[in-house]
């Protein structure tokens, strides 16, 4: 379902939003089932909290942002997926699916967040991080 979401939604210019929506859809279509690297019953918000504390602030800045990232190891790549999933869930709770799609279609560009949510990407990421209890290491 993750990969089918990519096929249906396409691949925009934000790897984080692409993977976040695919994991979010998969969790809704097949709740309670393990898939790929996601074990049964995983809580993406708890994983995000741990990841935000483990990695430098620059990692946090990639969540929901435009661009594609090459992570050096499996753990950081998986944590990026969990954070992207958690952030996508946060965005959907801030509005509705059309708002999220408008940001996805704009490749996660800063002006798309302002238009859709009335808040900047940086503010939304800070609100999300505060909600999950994640305090990223400073630069």
C-alpha atoms as a PDB file:
ATOM      1  CA  UNK A   1       0.000   0.000   0.000  1.00  0.00           C
ATOM      2  CA  UNK A   2       2.945   2.265   0.613  1.00  0.00           C
ATOM      3  CA  UNK A   3       4.233   1.750  -2.920  1.00  0.00           C
ATOM      4  CA  UNK A   4       0.730   1.916  -4.397  1.00  0.00           C
ATOM      5  CA  UNK A   5       0.324   5.325  -2.766  1.00  0.00           C
ATOM      6  CA  UNK A   6       3.478   6.473  -4.542  1.00  0.00           C
ATOM      7  CA  UNK A   7       2.036   5.234  -7.828  1.00  0.00           C
ATOM      8  CA  UNK A   8      -1.266   7.035  -7.273  1.00  0.00           C
ATOM      9  CA  UNK A   9       0.110  10.223  -5.737  1.00  0.00           C
ATOM     10  CA  UNK A  10       3.263  10.478  -7.786  1.00  0.00           C
ATOM     11  CA  UNK A  11       6.616  11.633  -6.504  1.00  0.00           C
ATOM     12  CA  UNK A  12       6.789  15.322  -5.782  1.00  0.00           C
ATOM     13  CA  UNK A  13       9.853  17.333  -4.896  1.00  0.00           C
ATOM     14  CA  UNK A  14       9.716  16.601  -1.162  1.00  0.00           C
ATOM     15  CA  UNK A  15      10.971  13.148  -0.234  1.00  0.00           C
ATOM     16  CA  UNK A  16       9.685  13.676   3.288  1.00  0.00           C
ATOM     17  CA  UNK A  17       6.117  14.458   2.214  1.00  0.00           C
ATOM     18  CA  UNK A  18       6.189  11.647  -0.367  1.00  0.00           C
ATOM     19  CA  UNK A  19       7.202   9.075   2.224  1.00  0.00           C
ATOM     20  CA  UNK A  20       5.048  10.581   4.950  1.00  0.00           C
ATOM     21  CA  UNK A  21       1.816  10.306   2.969  1.00  0.00           C
ATOM     22  CA  UNK A  22       2.694   6.780   1.791  1.00  0.00           C
ATOM     23  CA  UNK A  23       3.287   5.584   5.355  1.00  0.00           C
ATOM     24  CA  UNK A  24       0.189   7.423   6.618  1.00  0.00           C
ATOM     25  CA  UNK A  25      -2.038   5.821   3.960  1.00  0.00           C
ATOM     26  CA  UNK A  26      -0.530   2.401   4.605  1.00  0.00           C
ATOM     27  CA  UNK A  27      -1.242   2.748   8.337  1.00  0.00           C
ATOM     28  CA  UNK A  28      -4.886   3.599   7.588  1.00  0.00           C
ATOM     29  CA  UNK A  29      -5.488   0.914   4.965  1.00  0.00           C
ATOM     30  CA  UNK A  30      -3.744  -1.903   6.847  1.00  0.00           C
ATOM     31  CA  UNK A  31      -3.822  -0.985  10.540  1.00  0.00           C
ATOM     32  CA  UNK A  32      -2.034  -3.339  12.898  1.00  0.00           C
ATOM     33  CA  UNK A  33      -0.035  -5.105  10.183  1.00  0.00           C
ATOM     34  CA  UNK A  34       3.700  -5.077   9.750  1.00  0.00           C
ATOM     35  CA  UNK A  35       5.091  -4.011   6.408  1.00  0.00           C
ATOM     36  CA  UNK A  36       8.591  -3.579   5.016  1.00  0.00           C
ATOM     37  CA  UNK A  37      10.580  -2.065   7.908  1.00  0.00           C
ATOM     38  CA  UNK A  38       7.545  -1.077  10.003  1.00  0.00           C
ATOM     39  CA  UNK A  39       6.798  -3.529  12.808  1.00  0.00           C
ATOM     40  CA  UNK A  40       3.276  -4.210  14.083  1.00  0.00           C
ATOM     41  CA  UNK A  41       1.922  -1.478  16.335  1.00  0.00           C
ATOM     42  CA  UNK A  42       4.720   1.025  15.793  1.00  0.00           C
ATOM     43  CA  UNK A  43       4.010   4.532  17.054  1.00  0.00           C
ATOM     44  CA  UNK A  44       5.547   6.996  14.585  1.00  0.00           C
ATOM     45  CA  UNK A  45       5.254   9.843  17.103  1.00  0.00           C
ATOM     46  CA  UNK A  46       7.325   7.981  19.701  1.00  0.00           C
ATOM     47  CA  UNK A  47       9.881   7.103  17.024  1.00  0.00           C
ATOM     48  CA  UNK A  48       9.935  10.766  15.939  1.00  0.00           C
ATOM     49  CA  UNK A  49      10.509  11.940  19.531  1.00  0.00           C
ATOM     50  CA  UNK A  50      13.521   9.631  19.847  1.00  0.00           C
ATOM     51  CA  UNK A  51      14.890  10.604  16.427  1.00  0.00           C
ATOM     52  CA  UNK A  52      14.594  14.333  17.055  1.00  0.00           C
ATOM     53  CA  UNK A  53      16.626  13.912  20.238  1.00  0.00           C
ATOM     54  CA  UNK A  54      19.232  11.706  18.548  1.00  0.00           C
ATOM     55  CA  UNK A  55      20.127  13.739  15.460  1.00  0.00           C
ATOM     56  CA  UNK A  56      21.437  17.259  14.884  1.00  0.00           C
ATOM     57  CA  UNK A  57      19.031  20.093  14.197  1.00  0.00           C
ATOM     58  CA  UNK A  58      19.769  19.811  10.456  1.00  0.00           C
ATOM     59  CA  UNK A  59      17.901  16.478  10.414  1.00  0.00           C
ATOM     60  CA  UNK A  60      14.757  18.159  11.758  1.00  0.00           C
ATOM     61  CA  UNK A  61      14.965  20.805   9.018  1.00  0.00           C
ATOM     62  CA  UNK A  62      14.547  18.100   6.324  1.00  0.00           C
ATOM     63  CA  UNK A  63      11.121  16.995   7.602  1.00  0.00           C
ATOM     64  CA  UNK A  64       8.435  18.248   5.223  1.00  0.00           C
ATOM     65  CA  UNK A  65      10.985  20.287   3.294  1.00  0.00           C
ATOM     66  CA  UNK A  66      11.710  20.256  -0.434  1.00  0.00           C
ATOM     67  CA  UNK A  67      14.504  17.994  -1.570  1.00  0.00           C
ATOM     68  CA  UNK A  68      15.789  14.449  -1.459  1.00  0.00           C
ATOM     69  CA  UNK A  69      18.240  13.151   1.103  1.00  0.00           C
ATOM     70  CA  UNK A  70      20.795  10.348   1.004  1.00  0.00           C
ATOM     71  CA  UNK A  71      21.137   8.960   4.480  1.00  0.00           C
ATOM     72  CA  UNK A  72      24.277   7.052   5.334  1.00  0.00           C
ATOM     73  CA  UNK A  73      22.655   4.271   7.334  1.00  0.00           C
ATOM     74  CA  UNK A  74      19.459   2.296   7.641  1.00  0.00           C
ATOM     75  CA  UNK A  75      18.597   3.626  11.108  1.00  0.00           C
ATOM     76  CA  UNK A  76      18.613   7.311  10.133  1.00  0.00           C
ATOM     77  CA  UNK A  77      16.714   6.504   6.930  1.00  0.00           C
ATOM     78  CA  UNK A  78      14.023   4.647   8.895  1.00  0.00           C
ATOM     79  CA  UNK A  79      13.871   7.488  11.428  1.00  0.00           C
ATOM     80  CA  UNK A  80      13.399   9.942   8.548  1.00  0.00           C
ATOM     81  CA  UNK A  81      10.410   7.870   7.387  1.00  0.00           C
ATOM     82  CA  UNK A  82       8.928   7.758  10.903  1.00  0.00           C
ATOM     83  CA  UNK A  83       9.357  11.509  11.333  1.00  0.00           C
ATOM     84  CA  UNK A  84       7.870  12.165   7.902  1.00  0.00           C
ATOM     85  CA  UNK A  85       4.884   9.942   8.728  1.00  0.00           C
ATOM     86  CA  UNK A  86       4.394  11.664  12.100  1.00  0.00           C
ATOM     87  CA  UNK A  87       4.665  15.133  10.528  1.00  0.00           C
ATOM     88  CA  UNK A  88       2.175  14.193   7.794  1.00  0.00           C
ATOM     89  CA  UNK A  89      -0.268  13.022  10.450  1.00  0.00           C
ATOM     90  CA  UNK A  90       0.249  16.326  12.281  1.00  0.00           C
ATOM     91  CA  UNK A  91      -0.450  18.317   9.094  1.00  0.00           C
ATOM     92  CA  UNK A  92      -3.627  16.371   8.409  1.00  0.00           C
ATOM     93  CA  UNK A  93      -4.856  17.130  11.918  1.00  0.00           C
ATOM     94  CA  UNK A  94      -4.161  20.839  11.281  1.00  0.00           C
ATOM     95  CA  UNK A  95      -6.528  20.935   8.334  1.00  0.00           C
ATOM     96  CA  UNK A  96      -7.695  18.465   5.774  1.00  0.00           C
ATOM     97  CA  UNK A  97      -6.429  16.347   2.899  1.00  0.00           C
ATOM     98  CA  UNK A  98      -6.795  19.108   0.251  1.00  0.00           C
ATOM     99  CA  UNK A  99      -4.441  21.351   2.259  1.00  0.00           C
ATOM    100  CA  UNK A 100      -1.855  18.609   2.501  1.00  0.00           C
ATOM    101  CA  UNK A 101      -2.181  17.816  -1.221  1.00  0.00           C
ATOM    102  CA  UNK A 102      -1.646  21.479  -2.076  1.00  0.00           C
ATOM    103  CA  UNK A 103       1.669  21.417  -0.183  1.00  0.00           C
ATOM    104  CA  UNK A 104       2.618  18.055  -1.720  1.00  0.00           C
ATOM    105  CA  UNK A 105       1.879  19.335  -5.215  1.00  0.00           C
ATOM    106  CA  UNK A 106       3.991  22.424  -4.503  1.00  0.00           C
ATOM    107  CA  UNK A 107       6.885  20.129  -3.512  1.00  0.00           C
ATOM    108  CA  UNK A 108       6.884  21.316   0.099  1.00  0.00           C
ATOM    109  CA  UNK A 109       7.935  24.855  -0.810  1.00  0.00           C
ATOM    110  CA  UNK A 110       7.689  27.365   2.048  1.00  0.00           C
ATOM    111  CA  UNK A 111       5.028  29.522   0.392  1.00  0.00           C
ATOM    112  CA  UNK A 112       2.760  26.464   0.045  1.00  0.00           C
ATOM    113  CA  UNK A 113       2.735  25.976   3.826  1.00  0.00           C
ATOM    114  CA  UNK A 114       1.832  29.621   4.346  1.00  0.00           C
ATOM    115  CA  UNK A 115      -0.994  29.428   1.803  1.00  0.00           C
ATOM    116  CA  UNK A 116      -2.393  26.137   3.122  1.00  0.00           C
ATOM    117  CA  UNK A 117      -1.929  26.515   6.880  1.00  0.00           C
ATOM    118  CA  UNK A 118      -1.305  30.217   7.468  1.00  0.00           C
ATOM    119  CA  UNK A 119       1.995  29.298   9.157  1.00  0.00           C
ATOM    120  CA  UNK A 120       5.507  28.781   7.868  1.00  0.00           C
ATOM    121  CA  UNK A 121       7.167  25.413   7.464  1.00  0.00           C
ATOM    122  CA  UNK A 122       9.527  26.259  10.331  1.00  0.00           C
ATOM    123  CA  UNK A 123       6.643  27.116  12.664  1.00  0.00           C
ATOM    124  CA  UNK A 124       4.727  23.961  11.733  1.00  0.00           C
ATOM    125  CA  UNK A 125       7.784  21.777  12.279  1.00  0.00           C
ATOM    126  CA  UNK A 126       8.366  23.439  15.660  1.00  0.00           C
ATOM    127  CA  UNK A 127       4.731  22.859  16.645  1.00  0.00           C
ATOM    128  CA  UNK A 128       4.965  19.226  15.531  1.00  0.00           C
ATOM    129  CA  UNK A 129       8.234  18.678  17.409  1.00  0.00           C
ATOM    130  CA  UNK A 130       6.728  20.205  20.561  1.00  0.00           C
ATOM    131  CA  UNK A 131       3.676  17.954  20.204  1.00  0.00           C
ATOM    132  CA  UNK A 132       5.712  14.765  19.923  1.00  0.00           C
ATOM    133  CA  UNK A 133       8.027  15.955  22.684  1.00  0.00           C
ATOM    134  CA  UNK A 134      11.084  16.049  20.489  1.00  0.00           C
ATOM    135  CA  UNK A 135      13.829  18.523  21.135  1.00  0.00           C
ATOM    136  CA  UNK A 136      16.464  18.368  18.442  1.00  0.00           C
ATOM    137  CA  UNK A 137      20.105  18.824  19.295  1.00  0.00           C
ATOM    138  CA  UNK A 138      21.290  22.282  18.381  1.00  0.00           C
ATOM    139  CA  UNK A 139      23.675  22.808  15.502  1.00  0.00           C
END
